[in-house]
Each structure stands twice: as C-alpha cells, then as structure tokens.
Amino acid sequence: QKALAEAEGRVLIGPRSGSRDRHFAIPQGLPPGPLAALAGTRVTQVASLRPGLSQGVTGAVSGAVARWRDHAEAVEAEVLARFDDGGPALTRKGRVHALMGWPEEGLLGQVAAHMAGVAGLQTLALPPQIRLRRRGDWWFFFNYGPGEWSLPEGFDLLLGSATVPPQGLTIAQSRT
C-alpha cells in the first residue's frame, strides 16, 4: 500500500485487489481494503461469473469482463467506463485507476492502451503476425505471417516497402 501511494507513475488496481489481508481474511471495511483510499472505490459485492457468461463495458474503454466482477461504488473516484447495468467498471482517482472485473482480451487491450495513453506513452496496434522493434528513431517491422501487411501512415521508409511481404522486413522512421 505504501509503495503504491508513493509511486510516481500510473497505477492500475485490478479486480479482487485488497479482497484479503495478509492473513487471508476479508479486510474490515470490505475490499479494496487498505487500497480504498487510493482507489476512491468501495466494493459492495463480488460476483464470480459462470463459464460462458460475460458482462459488457462501455465508456473510455469498451469490451467485456468474464470470471470476476466487482460491484462497487465510486466514493471519491471518477467513473470512466460502466457495466451494462450502470455500475462502475473503470474508475480513476488521481493517478490510480481501478478495474472492476476480469477483462476479456479486447477490453484488456483497451485498458492497456488507455493506461499507456494517460502515462504519455506512444502505442501502435499491430496484428499478431507483426513484430516491432525500435532502436532510437528506427522502427523494424517483421512480418512472420503468410500474407502481406501494410505499414500504417506516418512513416518514412528506410529499407523495404510500405507493404511488408510474408517473412519480410521493413525499416522506417516515424514522422512524429
């Protein structure tokens, strides 16, 4: 708790965080227990979702949660995204964000991109067959897939082409 409070970066608290103390007991004041002051939330109910069930999320991020869902109150936090039933799904209090469910792949990617964005980090969405390595200003795009892939706008070519062939390489510099 102290390390999170003193951290200079962004903090993301996930579902079930603070639901047990170091003796594996439910904390007084309910989850997120000692993290409540940081998160600005209070969990009122924890639900385990049966296999195959999910709950939708919309707002600053969208997608669905599966496995776990925390029903919570945003006591001192801003609600950035909500569940389909209106409950808070992603909240923020200062530099601390709290996610109230186990994110499925799409939502997880959006939450990661959101957190990177608020931290001022540049991101680039890539399909699974494309690998990216950066060395200074140089961006190395490797295509491990069976089909061609087109480089996004905003790059000047140094080697290769804007259409990276299967098992091909393109080296570029970003214009930004």
C-alpha atoms as a PDB file:
ATOM      1  CA  GLN A   1       0.000   0.000   0.000  1.00  0.00           C
ATOM      2  CA  LYS A   2       2.763   2.447   0.910  1.00  0.00           C
ATOM      3  CA  ALA A   3       4.709   1.674  -2.281  1.00  0.00           C
ATOM      4  CA  LEU A   4       1.604   2.316  -4.403  1.00  0.00           C
ATOM      5  CA  ALA A   5       0.890   5.568  -2.577  1.00  0.00           C
ATOM      6  CA  GLU A   6       4.459   6.759  -3.164  1.00  0.00           C
ATOM      7  CA  ALA A   7       4.722   5.563  -6.779  1.00  0.00           C
ATOM      8  CA  GLU A   8       5.235   8.362  -9.292  1.00  0.00           C
ATOM      9  CA  GLY A   9       3.726   6.514 -12.265  1.00  0.00           C
ATOM     10  CA  ARG A  10       0.212   5.441 -13.063  1.00  0.00           C
ATOM     11  CA  VAL A  11      -1.307   2.634 -11.004  1.00  0.00           C
ATOM     12  CA  LEU A  12      -3.935   0.130 -12.146  1.00  0.00           C
ATOM     13  CA  ILE A  13      -5.672  -1.853  -9.429  1.00  0.00           C
ATOM     14  CA  GLY A  14      -7.366  -4.960 -10.761  1.00  0.00           C
ATOM     15  CA  PRO A  15     -10.374  -6.984  -9.678  1.00  0.00           C
ATOM     16  CA  ARG A  16     -10.227  -8.696  -6.312  1.00  0.00           C
ATOM     17  CA  SER A  17      -7.347  -6.437  -5.215  1.00  0.00           C
ATOM     18  CA  GLY A  18      -7.447  -5.885  -1.485  1.00  0.00           C
ATOM     19  CA  SER A  19     -10.092  -8.582  -1.018  1.00  0.00           C
ATOM     20  CA  ARG A  20      -7.912 -10.414   1.506  1.00  0.00           C
ATOM     21  CA  ASP A  21      -5.384  -9.219   4.036  1.00  0.00           C
ATOM     22  CA  ARG A  22      -2.009 -10.843   4.668  1.00  0.00           C
ATOM     23  CA  HIS A  23      -3.736 -13.424   6.908  1.00  0.00           C
ATOM     24  CA  PHE A  24      -6.197 -14.255   4.084  1.00  0.00           C
ATOM     25  CA  ALA A  25      -9.094 -12.687   5.983  1.00  0.00           C
ATOM     26  CA  ILE A  26     -11.640 -10.305   4.483  1.00  0.00           C
ATOM     27  CA  PRO A  27     -10.474  -6.805   5.432  1.00  0.00           C
ATOM     28  CA  GLN A  28     -12.527  -4.567   7.662  1.00  0.00           C
ATOM     29  CA  GLY A  29     -14.440  -2.100   5.558  1.00  0.00           C
ATOM     30  CA  LEU A  30     -14.647  -4.601   2.658  1.00  0.00           C
ATOM     31  CA  PRO A  31     -12.467  -4.629  -0.455  1.00  0.00           C
ATOM     32  CA  PRO A  32     -10.399  -2.990  -1.700  1.00  0.00           C
ATOM     33  CA  GLY A  33      -9.447  -2.822   1.972  1.00  0.00           C
ATOM     34  CA  PRO A  34      -6.315  -0.746   2.528  1.00  0.00           C
ATOM     35  CA  LEU A  35      -6.348   0.294  -1.144  1.00  0.00           C
ATOM     36  CA  ALA A  36      -9.744   2.025  -0.814  1.00  0.00           C
ATOM     37  CA  ALA A  37      -8.252   5.428  -0.023  1.00  0.00           C
ATOM     38  CA  LEU A  38      -6.005   5.212  -3.096  1.00  0.00           C
ATOM     39  CA  ALA A  39      -8.691   3.918  -5.454  1.00  0.00           C
ATOM     40  CA  GLY A  40     -11.581   6.017  -4.199  1.00  0.00           C
ATOM     41  CA  THR A  41     -13.878   2.987  -4.527  1.00  0.00           C
ATOM     42  CA  ARG A  42     -15.670   0.554  -2.255  1.00  0.00           C
ATOM     43  CA  VAL A  43     -16.578  -2.942  -3.380  1.00  0.00           C
ATOM     44  CA  THR A  44     -20.033  -3.935  -2.147  1.00  0.00           C
ATOM     45  CA  GLN A  45     -20.333  -7.352  -3.786  1.00  0.00           C
ATOM     46  CA  VAL A  46     -18.071  -9.760  -5.640  1.00  0.00           C
ATOM     47  CA  ALA A  47     -19.580 -11.982  -8.302  1.00  0.00           C
ATOM     48  CA  SER A  48     -17.974 -14.963  -9.983  1.00  0.00           C
ATOM     49  CA  LEU A  49     -19.346 -15.334 -13.491  1.00  0.00           C
ATOM     50  CA  ARG A  50     -20.102 -18.831 -14.739  1.00  0.00           C
ATOM     51  CA  PRO A  51     -18.125 -20.067 -17.767  1.00  0.00           C
ATOM     52  CA  GLY A  52     -19.513 -18.561 -20.948  1.00  0.00           C
ATOM     53  CA  LEU A  53     -21.038 -15.548 -19.198  1.00  0.00           C
ATOM     54  CA  SER A  54     -19.673 -12.038 -19.548  1.00  0.00           C
ATOM     55  CA  GLN A  55     -20.763  -8.507 -18.783  1.00  0.00           C
ATOM     56  CA  GLY A  56     -20.349  -5.644 -21.233  1.00  0.00           C
ATOM     57  CA  VAL A  57     -18.367  -2.477 -20.551  1.00  0.00           C
ATOM     58  CA  THR A  58     -18.690   0.878 -22.346  1.00  0.00           C
ATOM     59  CA  GLY A  59     -17.106   4.293 -21.894  1.00  0.00           C
ATOM     60  CA  ALA A  60     -13.447   5.317 -22.106  1.00  0.00           C
ATOM     61  CA  VAL A  61     -12.788   1.612 -22.752  1.00  0.00           C
ATOM     62  CA  SER A  62     -15.210  -0.996 -24.027  1.00  0.00           C
ATOM     63  CA  GLY A  63     -15.450  -4.745 -24.171  1.00  0.00           C
ATOM     64  CA  ALA A  64     -16.471  -7.329 -21.616  1.00  0.00           C
ATOM     65  CA  VAL A  65     -15.412  -8.944 -18.357  1.00  0.00           C
ATOM     66  CA  ALA A  66     -15.587 -12.650 -17.529  1.00  0.00           C
ATOM     67  CA  ARG A  67     -14.809 -14.802 -14.458  1.00  0.00           C
ATOM     68  CA  TRP A  68     -14.965 -11.986 -11.850  1.00  0.00           C
ATOM     69  CA  ARG A  69     -16.958  -8.815 -11.451  1.00  0.00           C
ATOM     70  CA  ASP A  70     -16.735  -6.428  -8.526  1.00  0.00           C
ATOM     71  CA  HIS A  71     -19.904  -4.445  -7.825  1.00  0.00           C
ATOM     72  CA  ALA A  72     -18.585  -1.170  -6.472  1.00  0.00           C
ATOM     73  CA  GLU A  73     -19.343   2.388  -5.511  1.00  0.00           C
ATOM     74  CA  ALA A  74     -17.202   5.235  -6.807  1.00  0.00           C
ATOM     75  CA  VAL A  75     -16.894   7.015  -3.474  1.00  0.00           C
ATOM     76  CA  GLU A  76     -14.211   9.562  -4.443  1.00  0.00           C
ATOM     77  CA  ALA A  77     -13.375   8.353  -7.951  1.00  0.00           C
ATOM     78  CA  GLU A  78     -14.404   9.448 -11.429  1.00  0.00           C
ATOM     79  CA  VAL A  79     -16.176   6.745 -13.433  1.00  0.00           C
ATOM     80  CA  LEU A  80     -14.509   6.301 -16.838  1.00  0.00           C
ATOM     81  CA  ALA A  81     -16.447   3.233 -18.022  1.00  0.00           C
ATOM     82  CA  ARG A  82     -19.580   1.438 -16.866  1.00  0.00           C
ATOM     83  CA  PHE A  83     -21.028  -2.039 -16.986  1.00  0.00           C
ATOM     84  CA  ASP A  84     -24.204  -2.568 -18.967  1.00  0.00           C
ATOM     85  CA  ASP A  85     -26.184  -2.344 -15.714  1.00  0.00           C
ATOM     86  CA  GLY A  86     -24.697   1.103 -14.972  1.00  0.00           C
ATOM     87  CA  GLY A  87     -22.198   0.066 -12.302  1.00  0.00           C
ATOM     88  CA  PRO A  88     -18.654   1.448 -12.454  1.00  0.00           C
ATOM     89  CA  ALA A  89     -16.247  -0.727 -14.470  1.00  0.00           C
ATOM     90  CA  LEU A  90     -13.175   1.535 -14.653  1.00  0.00           C
ATOM     91  CA  THR A  91     -12.581   4.405 -12.264  1.00  0.00           C
ATOM     92  CA  ARG A  92      -9.855   6.971 -11.664  1.00  0.00           C
ATOM     93  CA  LYS A  93      -8.780   8.889  -8.614  1.00  0.00           C
ATOM     94  CA  GLY A  94      -5.757  10.989  -9.486  1.00  0.00           C
ATOM     95  CA  ARG A  95      -3.143   8.671 -10.976  1.00  0.00           C
ATOM     96  CA  VAL A  96      -4.815   5.498  -9.638  1.00  0.00           C
ATOM     97  CA  HIS A  97      -7.234   3.573 -11.851  1.00  0.00           C
ATOM     98  CA  ALA A  98      -9.350   0.636 -10.674  1.00  0.00           C
ATOM     99  CA  LEU A  99     -10.772  -2.055 -12.970  1.00  0.00           C
ATOM    100  CA  MET A 100     -13.787  -3.866 -11.524  1.00  0.00           C
ATOM    101  CA  GLY A 101     -13.665  -7.126 -13.447  1.00  0.00           C
ATOM    102  CA  TRP A 102     -11.519  -9.737 -15.177  1.00  0.00           C
ATOM    103  CA  PRO A 103     -11.119  -8.289 -18.689  1.00  0.00           C
ATOM    104  CA  GLU A 104     -11.563 -10.363 -21.801  1.00  0.00           C
ATOM    105  CA  GLU A 105      -8.858  -9.899 -24.466  1.00  0.00           C
ATOM    106  CA  GLY A 106     -10.424  -6.900 -26.236  1.00  0.00           C
ATOM    107  CA  LEU A 107     -11.064  -4.987 -23.035  1.00  0.00           C
ATOM    108  CA  LEU A 108      -7.602  -5.843 -21.688  1.00  0.00           C
ATOM    109  CA  GLY A 109      -6.009  -4.341 -24.796  1.00  0.00           C
ATOM    110  CA  GLN A 110      -8.100  -1.188 -24.463  1.00  0.00           C
ATOM    111  CA  VAL A 111      -7.274  -0.813 -20.775  1.00  0.00           C
ATOM    112  CA  ALA A 112      -3.547  -1.244 -21.540  1.00  0.00           C
ATOM    113  CA  ALA A 113      -3.774   1.350 -24.336  1.00  0.00           C
ATOM    114  CA  HIS A 114      -5.709   3.716 -22.051  1.00  0.00           C
ATOM    115  CA  MET A 115      -3.118   3.390 -19.281  1.00  0.00           C
ATOM    116  CA  ALA A 116      -0.271   3.902 -21.762  1.00  0.00           C
ATOM    117  CA  GLY A 117      -2.043   6.982 -23.111  1.00  0.00           C
ATOM    118  CA  VAL A 118      -2.535   8.610 -19.717  1.00  0.00           C
ATOM    119  CA  ALA A 119       1.127   7.878 -18.974  1.00  0.00           C
ATOM    120  CA  GLY A 120       2.108   9.664 -22.189  1.00  0.00           C
ATOM    121  CA  LEU A 121       3.402   6.542 -23.926  1.00  0.00           C
ATOM    122  CA  GLN A 122       3.049   6.057 -27.670  1.00  0.00           C
ATOM    123  CA  THR A 123       1.357   2.836 -28.795  1.00  0.00           C
ATOM    124  CA  LEU A 124       0.793   1.180 -32.143  1.00  0.00           C
ATOM    125  CA  ALA A 125      -1.779  -1.593 -32.576  1.00  0.00           C
ATOM    126  CA  LEU A 126      -0.350  -4.488 -34.579  1.00  0.00           C
ATOM    127  CA  PRO A 127      -1.797  -7.796 -35.761  1.00  0.00           C
ATOM    128  CA  PRO A 128      -0.374 -10.974 -34.185  1.00  0.00           C
ATOM    129  CA  GLN A 129       1.915 -11.810 -37.115  1.00  0.00           C
ATOM    130  CA  ILE A 130       3.770  -8.470 -36.988  1.00  0.00           C
ATOM    131  CA  ARG A 131       6.649  -7.879 -34.597  1.00  0.00           C
ATOM    132  CA  LEU A 132       8.091  -4.454 -33.912  1.00  0.00           C
ATOM    133  CA  ARG A 133      11.481  -3.482 -32.539  1.00  0.00           C
ATOM    134  CA  ARG A 134      12.617   0.077 -32.026  1.00  0.00           C
ATOM    135  CA  ARG A 135      16.179   1.314 -31.941  1.00  0.00           C
ATOM    136  CA  GLY A 136      16.261   5.067 -31.459  1.00  0.00           C
ATOM    137  CA  ASP A 137      14.355   6.607 -34.384  1.00  0.00           C
ATOM    138  CA  TRP A 138      14.347   3.371 -36.372  1.00  0.00           C
ATOM    139  CA  TRP A 139      11.294   1.092 -36.368  1.00  0.00           C
ATOM    140  CA  PHE A 140      11.852  -2.514 -37.534  1.00  0.00           C
ATOM    141  CA  PHE A 141       8.656  -4.240 -38.718  1.00  0.00           C
ATOM    142  CA  PHE A 142       8.956  -8.042 -39.128  1.00  0.00           C
ATOM    143  CA  ASN A 143       6.142  -9.938 -40.851  1.00  0.00           C
ATOM    144  CA  TYR A 144       6.010 -13.544 -39.619  1.00  0.00           C
ATOM    145  CA  GLY A 145       2.656 -14.199 -41.287  1.00  0.00           C
ATOM    146  CA  PRO A 146       1.707 -15.825 -44.585  1.00  0.00           C
ATOM    147  CA  GLY A 147       0.226 -12.649 -46.107  1.00  0.00           C
ATOM    148  CA  GLU A 148       1.274  -9.095 -46.845  1.00  0.00           C
ATOM    149  CA  TRP A 149       0.839  -6.318 -44.281  1.00  0.00           C
ATOM    150  CA  SER A 150       0.656  -2.589 -44.948  1.00  0.00           C
ATOM    151  CA  LEU A 151       2.626  -0.130 -42.856  1.00  0.00           C
ATOM    152  CA  PRO A 152       0.426   2.476 -41.132  1.00  0.00           C
ATOM    153  CA  GLU A 153       0.548   6.111 -42.261  1.00  0.00           C
ATOM    154  CA  GLY A 154       3.130   8.384 -40.674  1.00  0.00           C
ATOM    155  CA  PHE A 155       6.361   6.561 -41.516  1.00  0.00           C
ATOM    156  CA  ASP A 156       9.231   7.333 -43.906  1.00  0.00           C
ATOM    157  CA  LEU A 157      10.790   4.203 -45.426  1.00  0.00           C
ATOM    158  CA  LEU A 158      14.479   3.462 -44.867  1.00  0.00           C
ATOM    159  CA  LEU A 159      14.526  -0.138 -46.134  1.00  0.00           C
ATOM    160  CA  GLY A 160      11.849  -2.311 -47.704  1.00  0.00           C
ATOM    161  CA  SER A 161       8.425  -1.175 -48.781  1.00  0.00           C
ATOM    162  CA  ALA A 162       5.188   0.138 -47.286  1.00  0.00           C
ATOM    163  CA  THR A 163       3.728  -3.323 -47.928  1.00  0.00           C
ATOM    164  CA  VAL A 164       5.730  -5.818 -45.884  1.00  0.00           C
ATOM    165  CA  PRO A 165       5.782  -9.208 -47.654  1.00  0.00           C
ATOM    166  CA  PRO A 166       5.431 -12.545 -45.834  1.00  0.00           C
ATOM    167  CA  GLN A 167       8.578 -13.237 -43.798  1.00  0.00           C
ATOM    168  CA  GLY A 168       9.728  -9.742 -44.799  1.00  0.00           C
ATOM    169  CA  LEU A 169      11.216  -6.735 -43.068  1.00  0.00           C
ATOM    170  CA  THR A 170      10.669  -3.002 -43.373  1.00  0.00           C
ATOM    171  CA  ILE A 171      12.703  -0.374 -41.526  1.00  0.00           C
ATOM    172  CA  ALA A 172      11.143   3.066 -41.163  1.00  0.00           C
ATOM    173  CA  GLN A 173      11.267   6.294 -39.185  1.00  0.00           C
ATOM    174  CA  SER A 174       8.218   7.870 -37.609  1.00  0.00           C
ATOM    175  CA  ARG A 175       7.311  11.370 -38.812  1.00  0.00           C
ATOM    176  CA  THR A 176       6.098  12.336 -35.331  1.00  0.00           C
END
